[in-house]
Amino acid sequence: MKVLHIIPSVASLRGGTSQAVIEIVGALRSQGIDAEIATTNDNGKDLLDVPLYELTDRLAEYGNIPIRFFPRFSPKINAVREFAFSRSLTTWLWQHINEYDLVHVHAIFSYASTIAMVIARIRKVPYLNMPHGLLCKWSLQQSKFRKQIYLNVIERSNLLHSQSLHFTTQQEQEEFNLLKLNIPSFILPLGVQIPILIPNAQSHLRLLLQIPTHFPILLFMSRIHPKKGLEYLIESLGKLKEYNFALIIAGSGESDYVQQLQDLLVAQGISDRAHLVGFVEGEIKNLYLQGSDLFTLTSHSENFGIAVMESLAAGTPVLITDGVAIAPMVKEKAIGYVTKLEINAIVVTLENFLQNFHQKLHNRSRSQQIIAENYSWQSISAQLATIYRDIITLQNI
C-alpha cells in the first residue's frame, strides 16, 4: 500500500500538527506501509533549509521520514505567504498522484491541502482529510467572513468528496457535526512517544534555571499564539503572588505578541518569576517536561493537545481548560486539573495545586502507564492502516 500525506508545512514553528504528521508517517512505515510526505519549505517568515525535490529529483530525509519539499511562493504580503502557494507542488501532484493508493490530506484553508484534494478528485484517487481542529467552532470564528467564503466556494466540495474525515477526539467530531455536512468520519487519537526518564530531572531543571526547591515549577510549552490563552494564565498567576512559584514559557511566536506577554508579566508583578526560554526540542525539551511540577495550557481550543499528552507521557500532571479536547480523558483518569477559561476558575484551580504542592499527591508513573496503554503509536498506526485498507477496498468495489 502506497500512501501520500500532504501538509502545507512541517516546520516546528507551525506547532504540534507538523510534528504529528511526521510521527504518523513514521509509525505507518513501521507497520509496513509505504508512506511519505509532500509539503513546501514553509517556515513562517523564512524558508526551511532543505533540499528541494524539483532540484534534486529525490526524497529528502527529514526527521528520518521521506519527504518531498517544494518551494513556497514567498511574497512580503503575510496573508499570501501564509497560504503557501507552490506551483511545482501542483505540477508534481498532477503528474504523480495516481502512483498512490490513497492520499491523506492534513489541514484545510491552505493551498497545498486544497489543491491536493482537487487533483485527487479529478484523478479519481481516494483521499481523506484530517482538519486538525480547523473545523472546530473557535477556529471558524477567526477571520470568520473569509473562512466562510473559502469553505462554501472551495473546501465544501473537497470535503464532501473525501472518503472520510479523521478526527482525534469526540469533541472535535461533535463540533464539526454542527456544520451539518454529513460526511463519513472516524475518531482516532494521535499517539505519543514515551520518553526515556531523566534521573533527577527536577533537580537538574532547578539548577539550570536557578529555581529554589520550594518553588513549584509551572510549564507552558506550545506555540506562543493568542489561541493558547497565555494571558489568562499570566493574569491568574498575578492574583496568586503570595504563593511561591516559577513559570517557564517555552515556545516561539510573533515578536510583537511575545512582547505583549512580557509587558503583561511586568504589569502583573511576576516577571521576576518567569523564564522565557524560546523554542526547545530534543533532550532539553524532555528535561523541561519531566522536571516541571505542572504543565499548563489555558487554551481557547485544541482539537487534541499534543503537548499535553507529551507532558502526561513524561509523568507530569496538567492543568488544562475545557476547550482542550482531551479534557474529558484527563478528568476521567484523574491525571490533572480541568477548568474553565475564566480567570476566577483558573485562579481557584491553581491555588488548589499550589496549596497541595508539598504533599506530592501526583503519581507520575501512573500517568505514564495510562498514556502508554492507550496512546502508543504502534496501536494507533495499526488501526490507521486498517482504515486505509478498508477505504481502498471500498473504492475498488
Protein backbone atom coordinates (compact mmCIF):
# COMPACT_ATOMS: atom_id res chain seq x y z
CA MET A 1 0.00 0.00 0.00
CA LYS A 2 1.40 3.38 -1.02
CA VAL A 3 0.07 6.42 0.84
CA LEU A 4 0.87 10.08 0.29
CA HIS A 5 0.49 12.58 3.13
CA ILE A 6 0.04 16.23 2.17
CA ILE A 7 0.59 19.10 4.60
CA PRO A 8 1.40 22.79 3.94
CA SER A 9 4.41 22.76 6.27
CA VAL A 10 6.39 20.51 8.58
CA ALA A 11 8.23 23.42 10.23
CA SER A 12 8.45 23.18 14.01
CA LEU A 13 7.14 26.71 14.46
CA ARG A 14 3.82 25.59 12.94
CA GLY A 15 3.15 23.71 16.15
CA GLY A 16 2.13 20.19 17.02
CA THR A 17 0.33 19.48 13.76
CA SER A 18 3.58 19.39 11.79
CA GLN A 19 5.24 17.10 14.31
CA ALA A 20 2.15 14.89 14.41
CA VAL A 21 2.28 14.23 10.66
CA ILE A 22 5.93 13.20 10.87
CA GLU A 23 5.08 10.89 13.77
CA ILE A 24 2.10 9.40 11.89
CA VAL A 25 4.14 8.63 8.79
CA GLY A 26 6.98 7.15 10.84
CA ALA A 27 4.55 4.91 12.72
CA LEU A 28 2.85 3.81 9.48
CA ARG A 29 6.18 2.90 7.94
CA SER A 30 6.89 0.69 10.94
CA GLN A 31 3.65 -1.12 10.02
CA GLY A 32 4.98 -1.82 6.53
CA ILE A 33 3.00 0.97 4.86
CA ASP A 34 4.90 2.80 2.10
CA ALA A 35 4.02 6.27 3.43
CA GLU A 36 5.70 9.56 2.57
CA ILE A 37 5.06 13.30 2.75
CA ALA A 38 4.82 16.06 0.16
CA THR A 39 4.97 19.60 1.50
CA THR A 40 6.50 23.05 1.00
CA ASN A 41 9.63 24.56 2.51
CA ASP A 42 7.49 26.97 4.53
CA ASN A 43 9.00 28.16 7.80
CA GLY A 44 6.86 31.16 8.70
CA LYS A 45 8.59 34.34 7.58
CA ASP A 46 11.57 32.24 6.49
CA LEU A 47 12.14 29.06 4.50
CA LEU A 48 13.39 25.69 5.69
CA ASP A 49 16.94 24.89 4.68
CA VAL A 50 16.08 21.63 2.93
CA PRO A 51 16.83 20.11 -0.49
CA LEU A 52 14.01 20.92 -2.91
CA TYR A 53 12.67 17.99 -4.89
CA GLU A 54 12.48 19.91 -8.15
CA LEU A 55 16.25 20.50 -7.94
CA THR A 56 17.41 17.10 -6.65
CA ASP A 57 14.66 14.81 -8.01
CA ARG A 58 14.86 12.73 -4.83
CA LEU A 59 13.18 12.33 -1.49
CA ALA A 60 14.76 14.18 1.41
CA GLU A 61 15.22 12.62 4.85
CA TYR A 62 13.69 14.92 7.43
CA GLY A 63 13.34 13.51 10.92
CA ASN A 64 14.14 10.12 9.34
CA ILE A 65 10.98 10.42 7.23
CA PRO A 66 10.95 10.55 3.39
CA ILE A 67 9.63 13.95 2.34
CA ARG A 68 9.40 15.81 -0.94
CA PHE A 69 9.88 19.54 -0.37
CA PHE A 70 8.62 22.06 -2.92
CA PRO A 71 9.31 25.82 -2.93
CA ARG A 72 6.72 28.07 -1.34
CA PHE A 73 5.77 31.34 -3.01
CA SER A 74 7.15 33.94 -0.59
CA PRO A 75 5.89 37.48 -1.21
CA LYS A 76 6.14 40.12 1.52
CA ILE A 77 2.35 40.15 1.97
CA ASN A 78 1.83 37.96 5.03
CA ALA A 79 -1.62 36.60 4.13
CA VAL A 80 -0.42 35.46 0.69
CA ARG A 81 2.79 33.97 2.08
CA GLU A 82 0.85 32.07 4.75
CA PHE A 83 -1.34 30.49 2.06
CA ALA A 84 1.79 28.53 1.00
CA PHE A 85 1.19 28.53 -2.77
CA SER A 86 3.55 26.25 -4.68
CA ARG A 87 3.44 25.89 -8.44
CA SER A 88 5.91 22.99 -8.52
CA LEU A 89 3.95 21.06 -5.89
CA THR A 90 0.86 21.46 -8.08
CA THR A 91 2.68 20.17 -11.15
CA TRP A 92 4.17 17.22 -9.31
CA LEU A 93 0.81 16.21 -7.80
CA TRP A 94 -0.87 16.36 -11.20
CA GLN A 95 1.81 14.13 -12.71
CA HIS A 96 2.27 11.62 -9.87
CA ILE A 97 -0.82 11.40 -7.65
CA ASN A 98 -2.06 8.29 -9.48
CA GLU A 99 1.01 6.42 -8.27
CA TYR A 100 -0.55 6.31 -4.79
CA ASP A 101 -3.35 4.12 -3.46
CA LEU A 102 -4.56 6.79 -1.05
CA VAL A 103 -3.90 10.43 -0.18
CA HIS A 104 -4.14 11.63 3.43
CA VAL A 105 -4.54 15.41 3.43
CA HIS A 106 -3.77 17.41 6.56
CA ALA A 107 -5.40 20.78 7.29
CA ILE A 108 -7.69 22.94 5.18
CA PHE A 109 -7.77 26.62 4.19
CA SER A 110 -4.26 26.32 2.75
CA TYR A 111 -3.11 25.94 -0.84
CA ALA A 112 -1.26 22.63 -0.52
CA SER A 113 -4.21 20.95 1.19
CA THR A 114 -6.81 22.39 -1.14
CA ILE A 115 -5.01 21.64 -4.39
CA ALA A 116 -4.21 18.09 -3.26
CA MET A 117 -7.91 17.37 -2.73
CA VAL A 118 -8.87 19.00 -6.03
CA ILE A 119 -6.32 16.98 -8.01
CA ALA A 120 -7.19 13.75 -6.17
CA ARG A 121 -10.86 14.28 -7.12
CA ILE A 122 -10.04 14.90 -10.76
CA ARG A 123 -7.60 11.97 -10.94
CA LYS A 124 -10.05 9.74 -9.02
CA VAL A 125 -7.60 8.87 -6.26
CA PRO A 126 -9.31 8.22 -2.89
CA TYR A 127 -8.42 10.69 -0.17
CA LEU A 128 -9.30 11.53 3.38
CA ASN A 129 -8.83 14.77 5.27
CA MET A 130 -7.58 15.41 8.78
CA PRO A 131 -8.58 19.02 9.62
CA HIS A 132 -6.51 19.25 12.84
CA GLY A 133 -9.10 21.42 14.58
CA LEU A 134 -9.61 23.88 11.72
CA LEU A 135 -13.29 22.93 11.52
CA CYS A 136 -13.85 23.48 15.23
CA LYS A 137 -16.05 26.33 16.41
CA TRP A 138 -13.28 28.58 17.76
CA SER A 139 -11.14 28.24 14.65
CA LEU A 140 -14.03 29.01 12.30
CA GLN A 141 -14.74 32.21 14.25
CA GLN A 142 -11.27 33.56 13.43
CA SER A 143 -11.27 35.50 10.13
CA LYS A 144 -14.87 34.31 10.01
CA PHE A 145 -16.04 36.00 6.81
CA ARG A 146 -13.02 34.90 4.78
CA LYS A 147 -13.27 31.31 6.02
CA GLN A 148 -16.99 31.11 5.30
CA ILE A 149 -16.40 32.15 1.70
CA TYR A 150 -13.47 29.73 1.30
CA LEU A 151 -15.41 26.87 2.89
CA ASN A 152 -18.56 27.39 0.83
CA VAL A 153 -16.91 28.14 -2.50
CA ILE A 154 -13.96 25.74 -2.45
CA GLU A 155 -13.45 23.49 0.54
CA ARG A 156 -17.02 22.22 0.99
CA SER A 157 -16.90 20.27 -2.28
CA ASN A 158 -13.43 18.93 -1.43
CA LEU A 159 -14.64 17.67 1.95
CA LEU A 160 -17.85 16.20 0.53
CA HIS A 161 -15.85 14.14 -1.96
CA SER A 162 -13.44 12.80 0.65
CA GLN A 163 -13.82 9.17 1.66
CA SER A 164 -13.74 10.16 5.31
CA LEU A 165 -12.65 12.80 7.81
CA HIS A 166 -10.14 11.91 10.50
CA PHE A 167 -10.83 13.45 13.92
CA THR A 168 -8.72 12.89 17.01
CA THR A 169 -11.40 13.35 19.67
CA GLN A 170 -15.14 13.12 20.09
CA GLN A 171 -15.31 16.84 20.86
CA GLU A 172 -13.70 17.68 17.51
CA GLN A 173 -16.17 15.44 15.70
CA GLU A 174 -19.15 16.93 17.55
CA GLU A 175 -18.12 20.49 16.69
CA PHE A 176 -17.76 19.53 13.03
CA ASN A 177 -21.24 17.96 13.06
CA LEU A 178 -22.68 21.40 13.78
CA LEU A 179 -21.86 22.24 10.14
CA LYS A 180 -24.31 19.51 9.01
CA LEU A 181 -22.15 18.42 6.08
CA ASN A 182 -22.98 14.71 6.52
CA ILE A 183 -19.53 13.36 5.69
CA PRO A 184 -18.30 9.95 6.92
CA SER A 185 -15.76 10.30 9.71
CA PHE A 186 -13.86 8.33 12.31
CA ILE A 187 -12.14 9.15 15.60
CA LEU A 188 -8.57 8.02 16.10
CA PRO A 189 -6.31 9.88 18.53
CA LEU A 190 -2.71 10.79 17.92
CA GLY A 191 -0.01 8.74 19.56
CA VAL A 192 2.81 9.85 21.78
CA GLN A 193 6.33 8.63 22.43
CA ILE A 194 7.05 7.59 25.99
CA PRO A 195 10.35 9.33 26.78
CA ILE A 196 13.35 7.80 28.49
CA LEU A 197 13.31 9.03 32.07
CA ILE A 198 15.98 11.53 33.04
CA PRO A 199 17.34 10.79 36.53
CA ASN A 200 16.74 13.68 38.95
CA ALA A 201 15.14 15.77 36.19
CA GLN A 202 13.54 18.17 38.66
CA SER A 203 16.82 18.86 40.41
CA HIS A 204 18.60 19.37 37.08
CA LEU A 205 15.95 21.83 35.84
CA ARG A 206 16.02 23.83 39.06
CA LEU A 207 19.78 24.04 38.84
CA LEU A 208 19.64 25.07 35.18
CA LEU A 209 17.25 27.98 35.80
CA GLN A 210 18.27 28.72 39.41
CA ILE A 211 14.81 27.97 40.80
CA PRO A 212 14.59 27.31 44.56
CA THR A 213 13.46 23.83 45.63
CA HIS A 214 10.36 25.17 47.42
CA PHE A 215 9.09 26.89 44.26
CA PRO A 216 6.76 24.65 42.22
CA ILE A 217 7.57 24.90 38.51
CA LEU A 218 4.70 25.63 36.13
CA LEU A 219 5.42 24.95 32.47
CA PHE A 220 3.79 26.33 29.33
CA MET A 221 5.22 24.61 26.25
CA SER A 222 3.50 25.29 22.95
CA ARG A 223 3.35 27.69 20.07
CA ILE A 224 3.00 31.21 21.51
CA HIS A 225 -0.24 32.33 19.91
CA PRO A 226 -3.41 34.12 21.13
CA LYS A 227 -5.31 30.83 20.75
CA LYS A 228 -3.28 29.37 23.62
CA GLY A 229 -4.76 31.75 26.21
CA LEU A 230 -1.48 32.64 27.91
CA GLU A 231 -2.95 35.96 29.03
CA TYR A 232 -5.42 34.04 31.21
CA LEU A 233 -2.64 32.06 32.85
CA ILE A 234 -0.47 35.13 33.48
CA GLU A 235 -3.32 37.20 34.90
CA SER A 236 -4.38 34.30 37.12
CA LEU A 237 -0.87 33.89 38.48
CA GLY A 238 -0.77 37.63 39.07
CA LYS A 239 -3.56 37.14 41.62
CA LEU A 240 -1.55 34.46 43.42
CA LYS A 241 1.65 36.37 44.14
CA GLU A 242 1.53 35.38 47.81
CA TYR A 243 2.43 31.83 46.76
CA ASN A 244 5.85 30.68 45.66
CA PHE A 245 6.08 29.50 42.05
CA ALA A 246 8.16 29.79 38.89
CA LEU A 247 6.71 29.95 35.38
CA ILE A 248 8.55 28.61 32.33
CA ILE A 249 7.28 29.71 28.93
CA ALA A 250 8.80 27.51 26.23
CA GLY A 251 7.86 28.25 22.64
CA SER A 252 8.15 30.77 19.85
CA GLY A 253 5.72 33.21 18.28
CA GLU A 254 5.35 36.56 16.58
CA SER A 255 7.71 39.05 18.23
CA ASP A 256 5.01 41.68 18.82
CA TYR A 257 2.79 39.20 20.63
CA VAL A 258 5.66 37.84 22.71
CA GLN A 259 6.45 41.42 23.75
CA GLN A 260 2.81 41.93 24.79
CA LEU A 261 3.09 38.91 27.06
CA GLN A 262 6.36 40.17 28.54
CA ASP A 263 4.68 43.50 29.28
CA LEU A 264 1.78 41.65 30.90
CA LEU A 265 4.17 39.72 33.13
CA VAL A 266 5.62 43.03 34.31
CA ALA A 267 2.15 44.55 34.82
CA GLN A 268 1.09 41.53 36.90
CA GLY A 269 4.23 41.75 39.01
CA ILE A 270 5.53 38.27 38.23
CA SER A 271 8.19 38.94 35.59
CA ASP A 272 10.91 38.01 38.10
CA ARG A 273 9.41 34.50 38.36
CA ALA A 274 9.05 33.94 34.62
CA HIS A 275 11.59 32.24 32.37
CA LEU A 276 11.00 32.75 28.63
CA VAL A 277 13.27 30.10 27.12
CA GLY A 278 12.12 30.14 23.49
CA PHE A 279 11.56 27.08 21.31
CA VAL A 280 13.02 23.88 22.73
CA GLU A 281 13.40 20.36 21.38
CA GLY A 282 15.23 17.11 21.99
CA GLU A 283 16.85 16.44 25.36
CA ILE A 284 16.26 19.93 26.75
CA LYS A 285 12.55 19.65 25.89
CA ASN A 286 12.37 16.35 27.77
CA LEU A 287 14.12 17.96 30.72
CA TYR A 288 11.52 20.75 30.88
CA LEU A 289 8.65 18.27 30.60
CA GLN A 290 9.99 15.87 33.21
CA GLY A 291 11.44 18.48 35.53
CA SER A 292 8.34 20.63 35.89
CA ASP A 293 5.66 20.14 38.53
CA LEU A 294 2.64 21.19 36.47
CA PHE A 295 2.06 21.60 32.74
CA THR A 296 -0.37 24.43 31.94
CA LEU A 297 -2.43 25.09 28.81
CA THR A 298 -5.30 27.53 29.27
CA SER A 299 -6.24 27.37 25.61
CA HIS A 300 -9.36 28.60 23.83
CA SER A 301 -9.48 25.48 21.66
CA GLU A 302 -7.36 22.39 20.97
CA ASN A 303 -8.66 19.57 18.82
CA PHE A 304 -6.29 17.21 20.65
CA GLY A 305 -3.44 18.71 22.66
CA ILE A 306 -0.18 17.06 21.67
CA ALA A 307 1.92 19.00 24.19
CA VAL A 308 -0.48 17.98 26.95
CA MET A 309 -0.07 14.33 26.01
CA GLU A 310 3.72 14.71 25.93
CA SER A 311 3.63 16.09 29.44
CA LEU A 312 1.49 13.22 30.72
CA ALA A 313 3.81 10.75 28.98
CA ALA A 314 6.64 12.38 30.93
CA GLY A 315 4.67 11.81 34.13
CA THR A 316 3.91 15.48 34.76
CA PRO A 317 0.34 16.44 35.75
CA VAL A 318 -1.51 19.02 33.66
CA LEU A 319 -3.81 21.96 34.14
CA ILE A 320 -5.95 22.49 31.05
CA THR A 321 -9.14 24.27 30.10
CA ASP A 322 -12.25 22.50 28.85
CA GLY A 323 -11.54 23.80 25.33
CA VAL A 324 -8.73 21.24 25.12
CA ALA A 325 -10.46 18.24 23.60
CA ILE A 326 -8.71 15.59 25.72
CA ALA A 327 -10.07 17.26 28.88
CA PRO A 328 -12.67 14.51 29.46
CA MET A 329 -9.91 11.87 29.47
CA VAL A 330 -7.76 13.90 31.89
CA LYS A 331 -10.72 14.31 34.21
CA GLU A 332 -11.82 10.66 33.96
CA LYS A 333 -8.34 9.29 34.63
CA ALA A 334 -7.64 11.89 37.36
CA ILE A 335 -4.23 12.78 35.91
CA GLY A 336 -4.59 16.54 36.06
CA TYR A 337 -6.86 19.52 36.51
CA VAL A 338 -9.58 20.71 34.13
CA THR A 339 -11.03 24.20 34.46
CA LYS A 340 -12.99 26.77 32.51
CA LEU A 341 -11.34 29.53 30.50
CA GLU A 342 -12.17 32.15 33.12
CA ILE A 343 -9.72 33.99 35.36
CA ASN A 344 -11.54 33.18 38.60
CA ALA A 345 -11.85 29.48 37.73
CA ILE A 346 -8.18 29.24 36.78
CA VAL A 347 -7.16 31.04 39.98
CA VAL A 348 -9.13 28.57 42.12
CA THR A 349 -7.58 25.58 40.31
CA LEU A 350 -4.04 26.96 40.51
CA GLU A 351 -4.48 27.79 44.18
CA ASN A 352 -5.60 24.22 44.85
CA PHE A 353 -2.42 22.94 43.23
CA LEU A 354 -0.13 25.42 44.97
CA GLN A 355 -1.64 24.71 48.39
CA ASN A 356 -1.15 20.96 47.99
CA PHE A 357 2.18 21.06 46.17
CA HIS A 358 4.32 19.84 49.05
CA GLN A 359 2.04 16.84 49.65
CA LYS A 360 3.28 15.34 46.34
CA LEU A 361 -0.08 13.73 45.63
CA HIS A 362 0.51 13.04 41.94
CA ASN A 363 1.65 9.59 40.85
CA ARG A 364 3.91 10.22 37.87
CA SER A 365 4.30 6.57 36.90
CA ARG A 366 0.50 6.16 36.78
CA SER A 367 0.19 8.94 34.18
CA GLN A 368 2.88 7.35 32.05
CA GLN A 369 1.20 3.95 32.27
CA ILE A 370 -2.18 5.34 31.20
CA ILE A 371 -0.68 7.10 28.19
CA ALA A 372 1.44 4.09 27.20
CA GLU A 373 -1.57 1.77 27.33
CA ASN A 374 -3.95 3.99 25.38
CA TYR A 375 -1.87 6.19 23.08
CA SER A 376 1.03 4.13 21.77
CA TRP A 377 1.94 4.84 18.16
CA GLN A 378 2.17 1.12 17.45
CA SER A 379 -1.51 0.57 18.30
CA ILE A 380 -2.77 3.73 16.63
CA SER A 381 -0.81 3.26 13.41
CA ALA A 382 -2.10 -0.32 13.17
CA GLN A 383 -5.66 0.95 13.43
CA LEU A 384 -5.00 3.64 10.83
CA ALA A 385 -3.51 1.08 8.45
CA THR A 386 -6.71 -0.98 8.76
CA ILE A 387 -8.81 2.10 7.98
CA TYR A 388 -6.68 2.77 4.90
CA ARG A 389 -7.20 -0.79 3.65
CA ASP A 390 -10.96 -0.57 4.17
CA ILE A 391 -11.16 2.71 2.22
CA ILE A 392 -9.10 1.32 -0.67
CA THR A 393 -11.15 -1.89 -0.75
CA LEU A 394 -14.44 0.02 -0.89
CA GLN A 395 -13.07 2.27 -3.61
CA ASN A 396 -12.19 -0.75 -5.75
CA ILE A 397 -15.56 -2.50 -5.42
